[in-house]
Amino acid sequence: AVDVGAKKGKELGDPVAICMTETEGSIRFASLDGEKYGKNSSLNSMDTDYYSQGVVIDSSEISDFTAKSESISECNKLSKLLNGGLLVTLAIDKEAKPEEIKKSIEKASELTSSFKPMKKISICGECGFKEELFEDKCPKCKSPYIV
């Protein structure tokens, strides 16, 4: 893809970069691709109904990783192949303590050239409370509207 993009870019006179980044449109793009190409779509060989948006590394597993671990070597290979960049997401557990988060971020920075830490948090849709873990209802206003 990088070679084809570079060739087309030269023909058009514009630089072309291929990257794997996060986008809300990948599910829609994959569904259109499936409609157009049917059984020839590359989605048929994948376990998901959307295209890859980079690599996700779980923060609870990263402490055991080295530069030669499969996930890390895959990230580094893809990063070198893609001339537009690779999104590496460090998925942080909901229950992770600040010290664990810090260690995960430090380890990820040792192993990858760039990454995006991501932690899902609960926010009350009524009062905006987000200080602690909650799932069913807000501990402050008792609202069931959790975002």
C-alpha atoms as a PDB file:
ATOM      1  CA  ALA A   1       0.000   0.000   0.000  1.00  0.00           C
ATOM      2  CA  VAL A   2       2.851   2.383   0.793  1.00  0.00           C
ATOM      3  CA  ASP A   3       4.496   1.720  -2.590  1.00  0.00           C
ATOM      4  CA  VAL A   4       1.217   2.131  -4.494  1.00  0.00           C
ATOM      5  CA  GLY A   5       0.444   5.317  -2.569  1.00  0.00           C
ATOM      6  CA  ALA A   6       3.897   6.745  -3.287  1.00  0.00           C
ATOM      7  CA  LYS A   7       3.568   5.902  -6.988  1.00  0.00           C
ATOM      8  CA  LYS A   8       0.121   7.507  -7.278  1.00  0.00           C
ATOM      9  CA  GLY A   9       1.360  10.492  -5.301  1.00  0.00           C
ATOM     10  CA  LYS A  10       4.192  11.040  -7.765  1.00  0.00           C
ATOM     11  CA  GLU A  11       1.735  10.793 -10.674  1.00  0.00           C
ATOM     12  CA  LEU A  12      -0.541  13.380  -9.081  1.00  0.00           C
ATOM     13  CA  GLY A  13       2.255  15.548  -7.736  1.00  0.00           C
ATOM     14  CA  ASP A  14       1.058  15.238  -4.142  1.00  0.00           C
ATOM     15  CA  PRO A  15       2.784  13.455  -1.263  1.00  0.00           C
ATOM     16  CA  VAL A  16       0.871  10.377  -0.031  1.00  0.00           C
ATOM     17  CA  ALA A  17       1.262   8.820   3.413  1.00  0.00           C
ATOM     18  CA  ILE A  18      -0.280   5.557   4.607  1.00  0.00           C
ATOM     19  CA  CYS A  19      -1.131   5.309   8.290  1.00  0.00           C
ATOM     20  CA  MET A  20      -3.142   3.262  10.776  1.00  0.00           C
ATOM     21  CA  THR A  21      -4.977   5.701  13.012  1.00  0.00           C
ATOM     22  CA  GLU A  22      -8.244   5.842  14.895  1.00  0.00           C
ATOM     23  CA  THR A  23     -11.311   7.038  13.027  1.00  0.00           C
ATOM     24  CA  GLU A  24     -15.033   6.761  13.601  1.00  0.00           C
ATOM     25  CA  GLY A  25     -15.499   6.053   9.889  1.00  0.00           C
ATOM     26  CA  SER A  26     -13.745   2.676   9.741  1.00  0.00           C
ATOM     27  CA  ILE A  27     -16.898   0.702  10.563  1.00  0.00           C
ATOM     28  CA  ARG A  28     -18.857   2.517   7.846  1.00  0.00           C
ATOM     29  CA  PHE A  29     -16.008   2.123   5.354  1.00  0.00           C
ATOM     30  CA  ALA A  30     -15.809  -1.601   6.088  1.00  0.00           C
ATOM     31  CA  SER A  31     -19.557  -2.033   5.633  1.00  0.00           C
ATOM     32  CA  LEU A  32     -19.457  -0.233   2.260  1.00  0.00           C
ATOM     33  CA  ASP A  33     -16.489  -2.371   1.241  1.00  0.00           C
ATOM     34  CA  GLY A  34     -18.426  -5.515   2.174  1.00  0.00           C
ATOM     35  CA  GLU A  35     -21.453  -4.379   0.156  1.00  0.00           C
ATOM     36  CA  LYS A  36     -19.352  -3.603  -2.914  1.00  0.00           C
ATOM     37  CA  TYR A  37     -16.970  -6.569  -2.902  1.00  0.00           C
ATOM     38  CA  GLY A  38     -19.079  -9.164  -1.062  1.00  0.00           C
ATOM     39  CA  LYS A  39     -17.234 -12.427  -0.597  1.00  0.00           C
ATOM     40  CA  ASN A  40     -14.033 -10.892  -2.015  1.00  0.00           C
ATOM     41  CA  SER A  41     -13.914  -8.327   0.792  1.00  0.00           C
ATOM     42  CA  SER A  42     -10.939  -8.642   3.126  1.00  0.00           C
ATOM     43  CA  LEU A  43     -13.403  -8.492   6.032  1.00  0.00           C
ATOM     44  CA  ASN A  44     -14.247 -12.137   5.379  1.00  0.00           C
ATOM     45  CA  SER A  45     -10.797 -13.148   6.615  1.00  0.00           C
ATOM     46  CA  MET A  46     -11.024 -11.059   9.800  1.00  0.00           C
ATOM     47  CA  ASP A  47     -12.764 -11.654  13.133  1.00  0.00           C
ATOM     48  CA  THR A  48     -14.208  -8.132  13.255  1.00  0.00           C
ATOM     49  CA  ASP A  49     -16.573  -6.090  11.120  1.00  0.00           C
ATOM     50  CA  TYR A  50     -14.260  -3.069  10.884  1.00  0.00           C
ATOM     51  CA  TYR A  51     -10.731  -2.407   9.674  1.00  0.00           C
ATOM     52  CA  SER A  52      -7.737  -2.162  11.959  1.00  0.00           C
ATOM     53  CA  GLN A  53      -7.196   1.181  13.598  1.00  0.00           C
ATOM     54  CA  GLY A  54      -3.737   0.492  14.922  1.00  0.00           C
ATOM     55  CA  VAL A  55      -2.495  -1.772  17.684  1.00  0.00           C
ATOM     56  CA  VAL A  56      -3.932  -2.052  21.204  1.00  0.00           C
ATOM     57  CA  ILE A  57      -1.709  -3.103  24.105  1.00  0.00           C
ATOM     58  CA  ASP A  58      -3.280  -3.960  27.461  1.00  0.00           C
ATOM     59  CA  SER A  59      -1.645  -2.107  30.368  1.00  0.00           C
ATOM     60  CA  SER A  60      -1.973  -5.133  32.655  1.00  0.00           C
ATOM     61  CA  GLU A  61       0.203  -7.190  30.277  1.00  0.00           C
ATOM     62  CA  ILE A  62       2.840  -4.640  29.264  1.00  0.00           C
ATOM     63  CA  SER A  63       5.039  -5.149  32.337  1.00  0.00           C
ATOM     64  CA  ASP A  64       5.944  -8.613  30.998  1.00  0.00           C
ATOM     65  CA  PHE A  65       6.792  -7.350  27.494  1.00  0.00           C
ATOM     66  CA  THR A  66      10.262  -6.860  26.072  1.00  0.00           C
ATOM     67  CA  ALA A  67      11.366  -5.371  22.753  1.00  0.00           C
ATOM     68  CA  LYS A  68      11.224  -8.912  21.335  1.00  0.00           C
ATOM     69  CA  SER A  69       7.663  -9.670  22.498  1.00  0.00           C
ATOM     70  CA  GLU A  70       5.289 -10.446  19.640  1.00  0.00           C
ATOM     71  CA  SER A  71       3.020  -7.411  20.165  1.00  0.00           C
ATOM     72  CA  ILE A  72       5.929  -4.988  20.465  1.00  0.00           C
ATOM     73  CA  SER A  73       7.868  -6.359  17.501  1.00  0.00           C
ATOM     74  CA  GLU A  74       4.636  -6.204  15.432  1.00  0.00           C
ATOM     75  CA  CYS A  75       4.211  -2.530  16.413  1.00  0.00           C
ATOM     76  CA  ASN A  76       7.783  -1.703  15.492  1.00  0.00           C
ATOM     77  CA  LYS A  77       7.590  -3.553  12.143  1.00  0.00           C
ATOM     78  CA  LEU A  78       4.316  -1.855  11.194  1.00  0.00           C
ATOM     79  CA  SER A  79       5.634   1.527  12.285  1.00  0.00           C
ATOM     80  CA  LYS A  80       8.630   1.141   9.963  1.00  0.00           C
ATOM     81  CA  LEU A  81       6.432  -0.023   7.052  1.00  0.00           C
ATOM     82  CA  LEU A  82       3.874   2.768   7.268  1.00  0.00           C
ATOM     83  CA  ASN A  83       5.162   6.157   6.192  1.00  0.00           C
ATOM     84  CA  GLY A  84       2.230   7.976   7.805  1.00  0.00           C
ATOM     85  CA  GLY A  85       2.449   6.496  11.287  1.00  0.00           C
ATOM     86  CA  LEU A  86       0.923   3.800  13.455  1.00  0.00           C
ATOM     87  CA  LEU A  87      -1.492   4.378  16.310  1.00  0.00           C
ATOM     88  CA  VAL A  88      -0.500   2.327  19.365  1.00  0.00           C
ATOM     89  CA  THR A  89      -3.108   2.493  22.120  1.00  0.00           C
ATOM     90  CA  LEU A  90      -2.237   1.596  25.709  1.00  0.00           C
ATOM     91  CA  ALA A  91      -5.556   0.365  27.143  1.00  0.00           C
ATOM     92  CA  ILE A  92      -5.565   1.125  30.871  1.00  0.00           C
ATOM     93  CA  ASP A  93      -7.795  -0.971  33.151  1.00  0.00           C
ATOM     94  CA  LYS A  94     -10.685   0.785  34.904  1.00  0.00           C
ATOM     95  CA  GLU A  95      -9.447  -0.356  38.316  1.00  0.00           C
ATOM     96  CA  ALA A  96      -5.778   0.532  37.717  1.00  0.00           C
ATOM     97  CA  LYS A  97      -4.162   2.520  40.502  1.00  0.00           C
ATOM     98  CA  PRO A  98      -2.140   5.680  39.681  1.00  0.00           C
ATOM     99  CA  GLU A  99       1.183   3.912  40.378  1.00  0.00           C
ATOM    100  CA  GLU A 100       0.243   1.044  38.010  1.00  0.00           C
ATOM    101  CA  ILE A 101      -0.760   3.556  35.326  1.00  0.00           C
ATOM    102  CA  LYS A 102       2.559   5.376  35.726  1.00  0.00           C
ATOM    103  CA  LYS A 103       4.540   2.115  35.418  1.00  0.00           C
ATOM    104  CA  SER A 104       2.550   1.070  32.330  1.00  0.00           C
ATOM    105  CA  ILE A 105       3.157   4.424  30.650  1.00  0.00           C
ATOM    106  CA  GLU A 106       6.876   4.299  31.474  1.00  0.00           C
ATOM    107  CA  LYS A 107       7.152   0.752  30.084  1.00  0.00           C
ATOM    108  CA  ALA A 108       5.229   1.655  26.916  1.00  0.00           C
ATOM    109  CA  SER A 109       7.528   4.634  26.351  1.00  0.00           C
ATOM    110  CA  GLU A 110      10.543   2.316  26.577  1.00  0.00           C
ATOM    111  CA  LEU A 111       9.101  -0.138  24.042  1.00  0.00           C
ATOM    112  CA  THR A 112       7.342   2.033  21.439  1.00  0.00           C
ATOM    113  CA  SER A 113       8.173   5.295  19.726  1.00  0.00           C
ATOM    114  CA  SER A 114       4.719   6.762  20.395  1.00  0.00           C
ATOM    115  CA  PHE A 115       1.421   5.659  21.934  1.00  0.00           C
ATOM    116  CA  LYS A 116      -1.894   6.954  23.225  1.00  0.00           C
ATOM    117  CA  PRO A 117      -2.931   6.032  26.782  1.00  0.00           C
ATOM    118  CA  MET A 118      -6.668   5.333  26.988  1.00  0.00           C
ATOM    119  CA  LYS A 119      -8.781   4.737  30.081  1.00  0.00           C
ATOM    120  CA  LYS A 120     -12.547   4.545  30.005  1.00  0.00           C
ATOM    121  CA  ILE A 121     -14.174   6.497  32.808  1.00  0.00           C
ATOM    122  CA  SER A 122     -17.775   6.785  33.937  1.00  0.00           C
ATOM    123  CA  ILE A 123     -19.359  10.235  33.933  1.00  0.00           C
ATOM    124  CA  CYS A 124     -22.802  11.060  35.285  1.00  0.00           C
ATOM    125  CA  GLY A 125     -24.959  12.485  32.506  1.00  0.00           C
ATOM    126  CA  GLU A 126     -26.994  14.433  35.056  1.00  0.00           C
ATOM    127  CA  CYS A 127     -24.469  16.155  37.358  1.00  0.00           C
ATOM    128  CA  GLY A 128     -21.135  15.462  35.632  1.00  0.00           C
ATOM    129  CA  PHE A 129     -19.632  13.524  38.569  1.00  0.00           C
ATOM    130  CA  LYS A 130     -16.556  11.460  37.633  1.00  0.00           C
ATOM    131  CA  GLU A 131     -14.428  11.197  40.769  1.00  0.00           C
ATOM    132  CA  GLU A 132     -14.659   7.433  41.405  1.00  0.00           C
ATOM    133  CA  LEU A 133     -15.635   4.144  39.799  1.00  0.00           C
ATOM    134  CA  PHE A 134     -19.361   3.599  39.324  1.00  0.00           C
ATOM    135  CA  GLU A 135     -21.477   1.782  36.760  1.00  0.00           C
ATOM    136  CA  ASP A 136     -25.163   1.552  37.682  1.00  0.00           C
ATOM    137  CA  LYS A 137     -25.967   4.948  39.158  1.00  0.00           C
ATOM    138  CA  CYS A 138     -24.171   8.087  40.244  1.00  0.00           C
ATOM    139  CA  PRO A 139     -23.059   7.988  43.905  1.00  0.00           C
ATOM    140  CA  LYS A 140     -23.556  11.757  44.156  1.00  0.00           C
ATOM    141  CA  CYS A 141     -27.013  12.396  42.649  1.00  0.00           C
ATOM    142  CA  LYS A 142     -28.221   8.754  42.228  1.00  0.00           C
ATOM    143  CA  SER A 143     -28.955   9.326  38.533  1.00  0.00           C
ATOM    144  CA  PRO A 144     -28.965   6.199  36.314  1.00  0.00           C
ATOM    145  CA  TYR A 145     -27.732   8.230  33.303  1.00  0.00           C
ATOM    146  CA  ILE A 146     -24.107   7.148  33.045  1.00  0.00           C
ATOM    147  CA  VAL A 147     -22.044   8.134  30.006  1.00  0.00           C
END
